Amino acid sequence: MAKDHGPTIKDDARYEALKEQCMSKQKAARIANTDPHEAGVRGGKAEDYEDRTKPELEQRAREVGIEGRSKMNKGELIEALRKG
């Protein structure tokens, strides 16, 4: 049975499997939180990170599981989101 990683991880079993493959916590969280039916679908609808506010960037960083986001400035948040 998969360990409960809290409300930020939607698919705990998938997250653990990705971590066992030596993926970073952030990348494993991002993939585990993606709907498998929508994975690989290109949207191209999102605005550039530079056009977003810092709170919007923090929200996106929270969604993908980036740690330390509250202490990052806008440039650091953008860099962390791009590195994923």
PDB file of N, CA and C in Angstrom:
ATOM      1  N   MET A   1       0.844  -1.179   0.000  1.00  0.00           N
ATOM      2  CA  MET A   1       0.000   0.000   0.000  1.00  0.00           C
ATOM      3  C   MET A   1       0.892   1.246   0.000  1.00  0.00           C
ATOM      4  N   ALA A   2       0.501   2.239  -0.754  1.00  0.00           N
ATOM      5  CA  ALA A   2       1.288   3.453  -0.896  1.00  0.00           C
ATOM      6  C   ALA A   2       1.168   4.327   0.350  1.00  0.00           C
ATOM      7  N   LYS A   3       2.252   4.957   0.717  1.00  0.00           N
ATOM      8  CA  LYS A   3       2.280   5.903   1.827  1.00  0.00           C
ATOM      9  C   LYS A   3       1.480   7.145   1.435  1.00  0.00           C
ATOM     10  N   ASP A   4       0.777   7.721   2.396  1.00  0.00           N
ATOM     11  CA  ASP A   4       0.003   8.943   2.138  1.00  0.00           C
ATOM     12  C   ASP A   4       0.949  10.138   2.201  1.00  0.00           C
ATOM     13  N   HIS A   5       1.097  10.842   1.093  1.00  0.00           N
ATOM     14  CA  HIS A   5       1.992  11.995   1.010  1.00  0.00           C
ATOM     15  C   HIS A   5       1.250  13.310   1.195  1.00  0.00           C
ATOM     16  N   GLY A   6       0.034  13.248   1.660  1.00  0.00           N
ATOM     17  CA  GLY A   6      -0.734  14.465   1.941  1.00  0.00           C
ATOM     18  C   GLY A   6      -1.517  14.943   0.733  1.00  0.00           C
ATOM     19  N   PRO A   7      -2.181  16.087   0.888  1.00  0.00           N
ATOM     20  CA  PRO A   7      -3.079  16.585  -0.154  1.00  0.00           C
ATOM     21  C   PRO A   7      -2.372  17.129  -1.400  1.00  0.00           C
ATOM     22  N   THR A   8      -1.058  17.344  -1.325  1.00  0.00           N
ATOM     23  CA  THR A   8      -0.368  17.899  -2.487  1.00  0.00           C
ATOM     24  C   THR A   8      -0.041  16.838  -3.532  1.00  0.00           C
ATOM     25  N   ILE A   9      -0.111  15.566  -3.163  1.00  0.00           N
ATOM     26  CA  ILE A   9       0.156  14.466  -4.099  1.00  0.00           C
ATOM     27  C   ILE A   9      -1.153  13.743  -4.360  1.00  0.00           C
ATOM     28  N   LYS A  10      -1.581  13.730  -5.625  1.00  0.00           N
ATOM     29  CA  LYS A  10      -2.862  13.120  -5.973  1.00  0.00           C
ATOM     30  C   LYS A  10      -2.775  11.600  -6.110  1.00  0.00           C
ATOM     31  N   ASP A  11      -1.649  11.086  -6.597  1.00  0.00           N
ATOM     32  CA  ASP A  11      -1.494   9.644  -6.815  1.00  0.00           C
ATOM     33  C   ASP A  11      -0.244   9.179  -6.074  1.00  0.00           C
ATOM     34  N   ASP A  12      -0.435   8.745  -4.805  1.00  0.00           N
ATOM     35  CA  ASP A  12       0.691   8.369  -3.954  1.00  0.00           C
ATOM     36  C   ASP A  12       1.497   7.198  -4.509  1.00  0.00           C
ATOM     37  N   ALA A  13       0.832   6.186  -5.056  1.00  0.00           N
ATOM     38  CA  ALA A  13       1.536   5.026  -5.592  1.00  0.00           C
ATOM     39  C   ALA A  13       2.405   5.420  -6.782  1.00  0.00           C
ATOM     40  N   ARG A  14       1.869   6.234  -7.644  1.00  0.00           N
ATOM     41  CA  ARG A  14       2.626   6.691  -8.815  1.00  0.00           C
ATOM     42  C   ARG A  14       3.822   7.545  -8.385  1.00  0.00           C
ATOM     43  N   TYR A  15       3.616   8.401  -7.383  1.00  0.00           N
ATOM     44  CA  TYR A  15       4.687   9.244  -6.850  1.00  0.00           C
ATOM     45  C   TYR A  15       5.826   8.375  -6.321  1.00  0.00           C
ATOM     46  N   GLU A  16       5.486   7.356  -5.520  1.00  0.00           N
ATOM     47  CA  GLU A  16       6.513   6.475  -4.955  1.00  0.00           C
ATOM     48  C   GLU A  16       7.266   5.727  -6.051  1.00  0.00           C
ATOM     49  N   ALA A  17       6.558   5.250  -7.067  1.00  0.00           N
ATOM     50  CA  ALA A  17       7.212   4.543  -8.164  1.00  0.00           C
ATOM     51  C   ALA A  17       8.186   5.450  -8.902  1.00  0.00           C
ATOM     52  N   LEU A  18       7.804   6.691  -9.104  1.00  0.00           N
ATOM     53  CA  LEU A  18       8.685   7.652  -9.781  1.00  0.00           C
ATOM     54  C   LEU A  18       9.898   7.984  -8.922  1.00  0.00           C
ATOM     55  N   LYS A  19       9.712   8.112  -7.611  1.00  0.00           N
ATOM     56  CA  LYS A  19      10.829   8.370  -6.704  1.00  0.00           C
ATOM     57  C   LYS A  19      11.811   7.199  -6.719  1.00  0.00           C
ATOM     58  N   GLU A  20      11.300   5.968  -6.822  1.00  0.00           N
ATOM     59  CA  GLU A  20      12.164   4.781  -6.892  1.00  0.00           C
ATOM     60  C   GLU A  20      12.999   4.781  -8.167  1.00  0.00           C
ATOM     61  N   GLN A  21      12.539   5.493  -9.196  1.00  0.00           N
ATOM     62  CA  GLN A  21      13.288   5.617 -10.446  1.00  0.00           C
ATOM     63  C   GLN A  21      14.279   6.777 -10.377  1.00  0.00           C
ATOM     64  N   CYS A  22      14.523   7.272  -9.159  1.00  0.00           N
ATOM     65  CA  CYS A  22      15.495   8.346  -8.890  1.00  0.00           C
ATOM     66  C   CYS A  22      15.078   9.700  -9.462  1.00  0.00           C
ATOM     67  N   MET A  23      13.790   9.951  -9.574  1.00  0.00           N
ATOM     68  CA  MET A  23      13.321  11.270  -9.990  1.00  0.00           C
ATOM     69  C   MET A  23      13.323  12.202  -8.787  1.00  0.00           C
ATOM     70  N   SER A  24      13.474  13.491  -9.053  1.00  0.00           N
ATOM     71  CA  SER A  24      13.425  14.473  -7.972  1.00  0.00           C
ATOM     72  C   SER A  24      12.006  14.508  -7.398  1.00  0.00           C
ATOM     73  N   LYS A  25      11.893  15.022  -6.172  1.00  0.00           N
ATOM     74  CA  LYS A  25      10.579  15.137  -5.543  1.00  0.00           C
ATOM     75  C   LYS A  25       9.647  16.008  -6.379  1.00  0.00           C
ATOM     76  N   GLN A  26      10.199  17.106  -6.899  1.00  0.00           N
ATOM     77  CA  GLN A  26       9.370  18.035  -7.666  1.00  0.00           C
ATOM     78  C   GLN A  26       8.852  17.392  -8.951  1.00  0.00           C
ATOM     79  N   LYS A  27       9.734  16.712  -9.676  1.00  0.00           N
ATOM     80  CA  LYS A  27       9.324  16.110 -10.946  1.00  0.00           C
ATOM     81  C   LYS A  27       8.353  14.958 -10.698  1.00  0.00           C
ATOM     82  N   ALA A  28       8.625  14.140  -9.688  1.00  0.00           N
ATOM     83  CA  ALA A  28       7.728  13.032  -9.363  1.00  0.00           C
ATOM     84  C   ALA A  28       6.349  13.559  -8.965  1.00  0.00           C
ATOM     85  N   ALA A  29       6.312  14.644  -8.198  1.00  0.00           N
ATOM     86  CA  ALA A  29       5.033  15.230  -7.782  1.00  0.00           C
ATOM     87  C   ALA A  29       4.280  15.761  -8.986  1.00  0.00           C
ATOM     88  N   ARG A  30       4.982  16.448  -9.875  1.00  0.00           N
ATOM     89  CA  ARG A  30       4.331  17.014 -11.059  1.00  0.00           C
ATOM     90  C   ARG A  30       3.704  15.909 -11.913  1.00  0.00           C
ATOM     91  N   ILE A  31       4.442  14.826 -12.112  1.00  0.00           N
ATOM     92  CA  ILE A  31       3.928  13.731 -12.933  1.00  0.00           C
ATOM     93  C   ILE A  31       2.793  13.004 -12.218  1.00  0.00           C
ATOM     94  N   ALA A  32       2.949  12.772 -10.916  1.00  0.00           N
ATOM     95  CA  ALA A  32       1.911  12.071 -10.148  1.00  0.00           C
ATOM     96  C   ALA A  32       0.616  12.873 -10.086  1.00  0.00           C
ATOM     97  N   ASN A  33       0.720  14.188 -10.199  1.00  0.00           N
ATOM     98  CA  ASN A  33      -0.466  15.042 -10.135  1.00  0.00           C
ATOM     99  C   ASN A  33      -1.085  15.306 -11.506  1.00  0.00           C
ATOM    100  N   THR A  34      -0.509  14.737 -12.554  1.00  0.00           N
ATOM    101  CA  THR A  34      -1.023  14.913 -13.905  1.00  0.00           C
ATOM    102  C   THR A  34      -2.002  13.787 -14.229  1.00  0.00           C
ATOM    103  N   ASP A  35      -3.118  14.144 -14.808  1.00  0.00           N
ATOM    104  CA  ASP A  35      -4.084  13.143 -15.259  1.00  0.00           C
ATOM    105  C   ASP A  35      -3.456  12.356 -16.405  1.00  0.00           C
ATOM    106  N   PRO A  36      -3.328  11.035 -16.285  1.00  0.00           N
ATOM    107  CA  PRO A  36      -2.682  10.245 -17.339  1.00  0.00           C
ATOM    108  C   PRO A  36      -3.351  10.385 -18.705  1.00  0.00           C
ATOM    109  N   HIS A  37      -4.620  10.712 -18.720  1.00  0.00           N
ATOM    110  CA  HIS A  37      -5.331  10.857 -19.986  1.00  0.00           C
ATOM    111  C   HIS A  37      -5.011  12.181 -20.678  1.00  0.00           C
ATOM    112  N   GLU A  38      -4.488  13.124 -19.905  1.00  0.00           N
ATOM    113  CA  GLU A  38      -4.149  14.422 -20.473  1.00  0.00           C
ATOM    114  C   GLU A  38      -2.648  14.584 -20.681  1.00  0.00           C
ATOM    115  N   ALA A  39      -1.871  13.641 -20.198  1.00  0.00           N
ATOM    116  CA  ALA A  39      -0.413  13.727 -20.328  1.00  0.00           C
ATOM    117  C   ALA A  39      -0.017  13.707 -21.802  1.00  0.00           C
ATOM    118  N   GLY A  40       0.893  14.561 -22.151  1.00  0.00           N
ATOM    119  CA  GLY A  40       1.377  14.622 -23.520  1.00  0.00           C
ATOM    120  C   GLY A  40       0.556  15.509 -24.425  1.00  0.00           C
ATOM    121  N   VAL A  41      -0.557  16.009 -23.927  1.00  0.00           N
ATOM    122  CA  VAL A  41      -1.393  16.897 -24.728  1.00  0.00           C
ATOM    123  C   VAL A  41      -0.831  18.306 -24.594  1.00  0.00           C
ATOM    124  N   ARG A  42      -0.530  18.906 -25.694  1.00  0.00           N
ATOM    125  CA  ARG A  42       0.038  20.250 -25.665  1.00  0.00           C
ATOM    126  C   ARG A  42      -1.090  21.281 -25.686  1.00  0.00           C
ATOM    127  N   GLY A  43      -1.010  22.188 -24.742  1.00  0.00           N
ATOM    128  CA  GLY A  43      -2.042  23.209 -24.658  1.00  0.00           C
ATOM    129  C   GLY A  43      -1.636  24.503 -25.327  1.00  0.00           C
ATOM    130  N   GLY A  44      -0.501  25.055 -24.904  1.00  0.00           N
ATOM    131  CA  GLY A  44      -0.027  26.299 -25.464  1.00  0.00           C
ATOM    132  C   GLY A  44      -0.901  27.495 -25.142  1.00  0.00           C
ATOM    133  N   LYS A  45      -1.749  27.359 -24.132  1.00  0.00           N
ATOM    134  CA  LYS A  45      -2.695  28.418 -23.818  1.00  0.00           C
ATOM    135  C   LYS A  45      -2.244  29.294 -22.650  1.00  0.00           C
ATOM    136  N   ALA A  46      -1.281  28.822 -21.877  1.00  0.00           N
ATOM    137  CA  ALA A  46      -0.860  29.554 -20.692  1.00  0.00           C
ATOM    138  C   ALA A  46      -0.045  30.783 -21.072  1.00  0.00           C
ATOM    139  N   GLU A  47      -0.194  31.823 -20.266  1.00  0.00           N
ATOM    140  CA  GLU A  47       0.593  33.030 -20.512  1.00  0.00           C
ATOM    141  C   GLU A  47       2.021  32.813 -20.020  1.00  0.00           C
ATOM    142  N   ASP A  48       2.934  33.637 -20.478  1.00  0.00           N
ATOM    143  CA  ASP A  48       4.327  33.533 -20.081  1.00  0.00           C
ATOM    144  C   ASP A  48       4.455  33.744 -18.577  1.00  0.00           C
ATOM    145  N   TYR A  49       5.423  33.051 -17.976  1.00  0.00           N
ATOM    146  CA  TYR A  49       5.650  33.221 -16.542  1.00  0.00           C
ATOM    147  C   TYR A  49       5.950  34.675 -16.191  1.00  0.00           C
ATOM    148  N   GLU A  50       6.669  35.360 -17.051  1.00  0.00           N
ATOM    149  CA  GLU A  50       7.016  36.755 -16.780  1.00  0.00           C
ATOM    150  C   GLU A  50       5.784  37.661 -16.677  1.00  0.00           C
ATOM    151  N   ASP A  51       4.698  37.276 -17.311  1.00  0.00           N
ATOM    152  CA  ASP A  51       3.472  38.067 -17.289  1.00  0.00           C
ATOM    153  C   ASP A  51       2.599  37.772 -16.072  1.00  0.00           C
ATOM    154  N   ARG A  52       2.975  36.765 -15.278  1.00  0.00           N
ATOM    155  CA  ARG A  52       2.189  36.388 -14.105  1.00  0.00           C
ATOM    156  C   ARG A  52       2.685  37.135 -12.876  1.00  0.00           C
ATOM    157  N   THR A  53       1.795  37.263 -11.890  1.00  0.00           N
ATOM    158  CA  THR A  53       2.164  37.890 -10.626  1.00  0.00           C
ATOM    159  C   THR A  53       2.895  36.873  -9.752  1.00  0.00           C
ATOM    160  N   LYS A  54       3.594  37.370  -8.741  1.00  0.00           N
ATOM    161  CA  LYS A  54       4.304  36.470  -7.839  1.00  0.00           C
ATOM    162  C   LYS A  54       3.330  35.500  -7.151  1.00  0.00           C
ATOM    163  N   PRO A  55       2.169  35.961  -6.647  1.00  0.00           N
ATOM    164  CA  PRO A  55       1.221  35.010  -6.047  1.00  0.00           C
ATOM    165  C   PRO A  55       0.749  33.931  -7.040  1.00  0.00           C
ATOM    166  N   GLU A  56       0.575  34.285  -8.303  1.00  0.00           N
ATOM    167  CA  GLU A  56       0.186  33.288  -9.307  1.00  0.00           C
ATOM    168  C   GLU A  56       1.304  32.261  -9.505  1.00  0.00           C
ATOM    169  N   LEU A  57       2.542  32.739  -9.510  1.00  0.00           N
ATOM    170  CA  LEU A  57       3.678  31.829  -9.650  1.00  0.00           C
ATOM    171  C   LEU A  57       3.809  30.925  -8.428  1.00  0.00           C
ATOM    172  N   GLU A  58       3.578  31.481  -7.238  1.00  0.00           N
ATOM    173  CA  GLU A  58       3.623  30.673  -6.018  1.00  0.00           C
ATOM    174  C   GLU A  58       2.544  29.592  -6.039  1.00  0.00           C
ATOM    175  N   GLN A  59       1.364  29.934  -6.522  1.00  0.00           N
ATOM    176  CA  GLN A  59       0.279  28.952  -6.626  1.00  0.00           C
ATOM    177  C   GLN A  59       0.666  27.826  -7.572  1.00  0.00           C
ATOM    178  N   ARG A  60       1.231  28.167  -8.720  1.00  0.00           N
ATOM    179  CA  ARG A  60       1.655  27.154  -9.690  1.00  0.00           C
ATOM    180  C   ARG A  60       2.768  26.285  -9.096  1.00  0.00           C
ATOM    181  N   ALA A  61       3.705  26.904  -8.377  1.00  0.00           N
ATOM    182  CA  ALA A  61       4.785  26.157  -7.732  1.00  0.00           C
ATOM    183  C   ALA A  61       4.215  25.203  -6.684  1.00  0.00           C
ATOM    184  N   ARG A  62       3.184  25.641  -5.961  1.00  0.00           N
ATOM    185  CA  ARG A  62       2.514  24.778  -4.987  1.00  0.00           C
ATOM    186  C   ARG A  62       1.885  23.587  -5.692  1.00  0.00           C
ATOM    187  N   GLU A  63       1.239  23.832  -6.830  1.00  0.00           N
ATOM    188  CA  GLU A  63       0.569  22.767  -7.581  1.00  0.00           C
ATOM    189  C   GLU A  63       1.538  21.686  -8.054  1.00  0.00           C
ATOM    190  N   VAL A  64       2.743  22.083  -8.420  1.00  0.00           N
ATOM    191  CA  VAL A  64       3.712  21.102  -8.931  1.00  0.00           C
ATOM    192  C   VAL A  64       4.668  20.601  -7.859  1.00  0.00           C
ATOM    193  N   GLY A  65       4.522  21.108  -6.629  1.00  0.00           N
ATOM    194  CA  GLY A  65       5.286  20.566  -5.514  1.00  0.00           C
ATOM    195  C   GLY A  65       6.697  21.102  -5.346  1.00  0.00           C
ATOM    196  N   ILE A  66       6.930  22.336  -5.731  1.00  0.00           N
ATOM    197  CA  ILE A  66       8.255  22.936  -5.558  1.00  0.00           C
ATOM    198  C   ILE A  66       8.409  23.380  -4.109  1.00  0.00           C
ATOM    199  N   GLU A  67       9.470  22.890  -3.468  1.00  0.00           N
ATOM    200  CA  GLU A  67       9.718  23.224  -2.068  1.00  0.00           C
ATOM    201  C   GLU A  67      10.484  24.539  -1.959  1.00  0.00           C
ATOM    202  N   GLY A  68      10.273  25.268  -0.874  1.00  0.00           N
ATOM    203  CA  GLY A  68      10.966  26.517  -0.620  1.00  0.00           C
ATOM    204  C   GLY A  68      10.426  27.695  -1.402  1.00  0.00           C
ATOM    205  N   ARG A  69       9.258  27.536  -1.997  1.00  0.00           N
ATOM    206  CA  ARG A  69       8.695  28.571  -2.876  1.00  0.00           C
ATOM    207  C   ARG A  69       8.373  29.866  -2.141  1.00  0.00           C
ATOM    208  N   SER A  70       8.028  29.785  -0.863  1.00  0.00           N
ATOM    209  CA  SER A  70       7.642  31.001  -0.141  1.00  0.00           C
ATOM    210  C   SER A  70       8.825  31.942   0.075  1.00  0.00           C
ATOM    211  N   LYS A  71      10.040  31.408  -0.002  1.00  0.00           N
ATOM    212  CA  LYS A  71      11.230  32.235   0.203  1.00  0.00           C
ATOM    213  C   LYS A  71      11.841  32.701  -1.117  1.00  0.00           C
ATOM    214  N   MET A  72      11.264  32.287  -2.238  1.00  0.00           N
ATOM    215  CA  MET A  72      11.814  32.638  -3.552  1.00  0.00           C
ATOM    216  C   MET A  72      11.256  33.964  -4.044  1.00  0.00           C
ATOM    217  N   ASN A  73      12.085  34.699  -4.795  1.00  0.00           N
ATOM    218  CA  ASN A  73      11.577  35.895  -5.461  1.00  0.00           C
ATOM    219  C   ASN A  73      10.979  35.473  -6.801  1.00  0.00           C
ATOM    220  N   LYS A  74      10.421  36.405  -7.529  1.00  0.00           N
ATOM    221  CA  LYS A  74       9.728  36.081  -8.772  1.00  0.00           C
ATOM    222  C   LYS A  74      10.654  35.396  -9.774  1.00  0.00           C
ATOM    223  N   GLY A  75      11.865  35.895  -9.931  1.00  0.00           N
ATOM    224  CA  GLY A  75      12.820  35.290 -10.865  1.00  0.00           C
ATOM    225  C   GLY A  75      13.176  33.861 -10.487  1.00  0.00           C
ATOM    226  N   GLU A  76      13.359  33.611  -9.196  1.00  0.00           N
ATOM    227  CA  GLU A  76      13.681  32.261  -8.725  1.00  0.00           C
ATOM    228  C   GLU A  76      12.504  31.310  -8.939  1.00  0.00           C
ATOM    229  N   LEU A  77      11.282  31.813  -8.733  1.00  0.00           N
ATOM    230  CA  LEU A  77      10.094  30.986  -8.974  1.00  0.00           C
ATOM    231  C   LEU A  77      10.004  30.590 -10.449  1.00  0.00           C
ATOM    232  N   ILE A  78      10.236  31.552 -11.333  1.00  0.00           N
ATOM    233  CA  ILE A  78      10.189  31.275 -12.773  1.00  0.00           C
ATOM    234  C   ILE A  78      11.227  30.224 -13.134  1.00  0.00           C
ATOM    235  N   GLU A  79      12.439  30.379 -12.613  1.00  0.00           N
ATOM    236  CA  GLU A  79      13.512  29.429 -12.909  1.00  0.00           C
ATOM    237  C   GLU A  79      13.166  28.031 -12.397  1.00  0.00           C
ATOM    238  N   ALA A  80      12.629  27.947 -11.175  1.00  0.00           N
ATOM    239  CA  ALA A  80      12.257  26.659 -10.591  1.00  0.00           C
ATOM    240  C   ALA A  80      11.128  25.999 -11.392  1.00  0.00           C
ATOM    241  N   LEU A  81      10.160  26.788 -11.828  1.00  0.00           N
ATOM    242  CA  LEU A  81       9.057  26.232 -12.619  1.00  0.00           C
ATOM    243  C   LEU A  81       9.539  25.734 -13.968  1.00  0.00           C
ATOM    244  N   ARG A  82      10.484  26.414 -14.571  1.00  0.00           N
ATOM    245  CA  ARG A  82      11.005  25.986 -15.869  1.00  0.00           C
ATOM    246  C   ARG A  82      11.861  24.742 -15.751  1.00  0.00           C
ATOM    247  N   LYS A  83      12.597  24.613 -14.660  1.00  0.00           N
ATOM    248  CA  LYS A  83      13.443  23.437 -14.461  1.00  0.00           C
ATOM    249  C   LYS A  83      12.599  22.218 -14.161  1.00  0.00           C
ATOM    250  N   GLY A  84      11.499  22.460 -13.427  1.00  0.00           N
ATOM    251  CA  GLY A  84      10.553  21.412 -13.097  1.00  0.00           C
ATOM    252  C   GLY A  84      11.179  20.245 -12.508  1.00  0.00           C
TER     253      GLY A  84
END
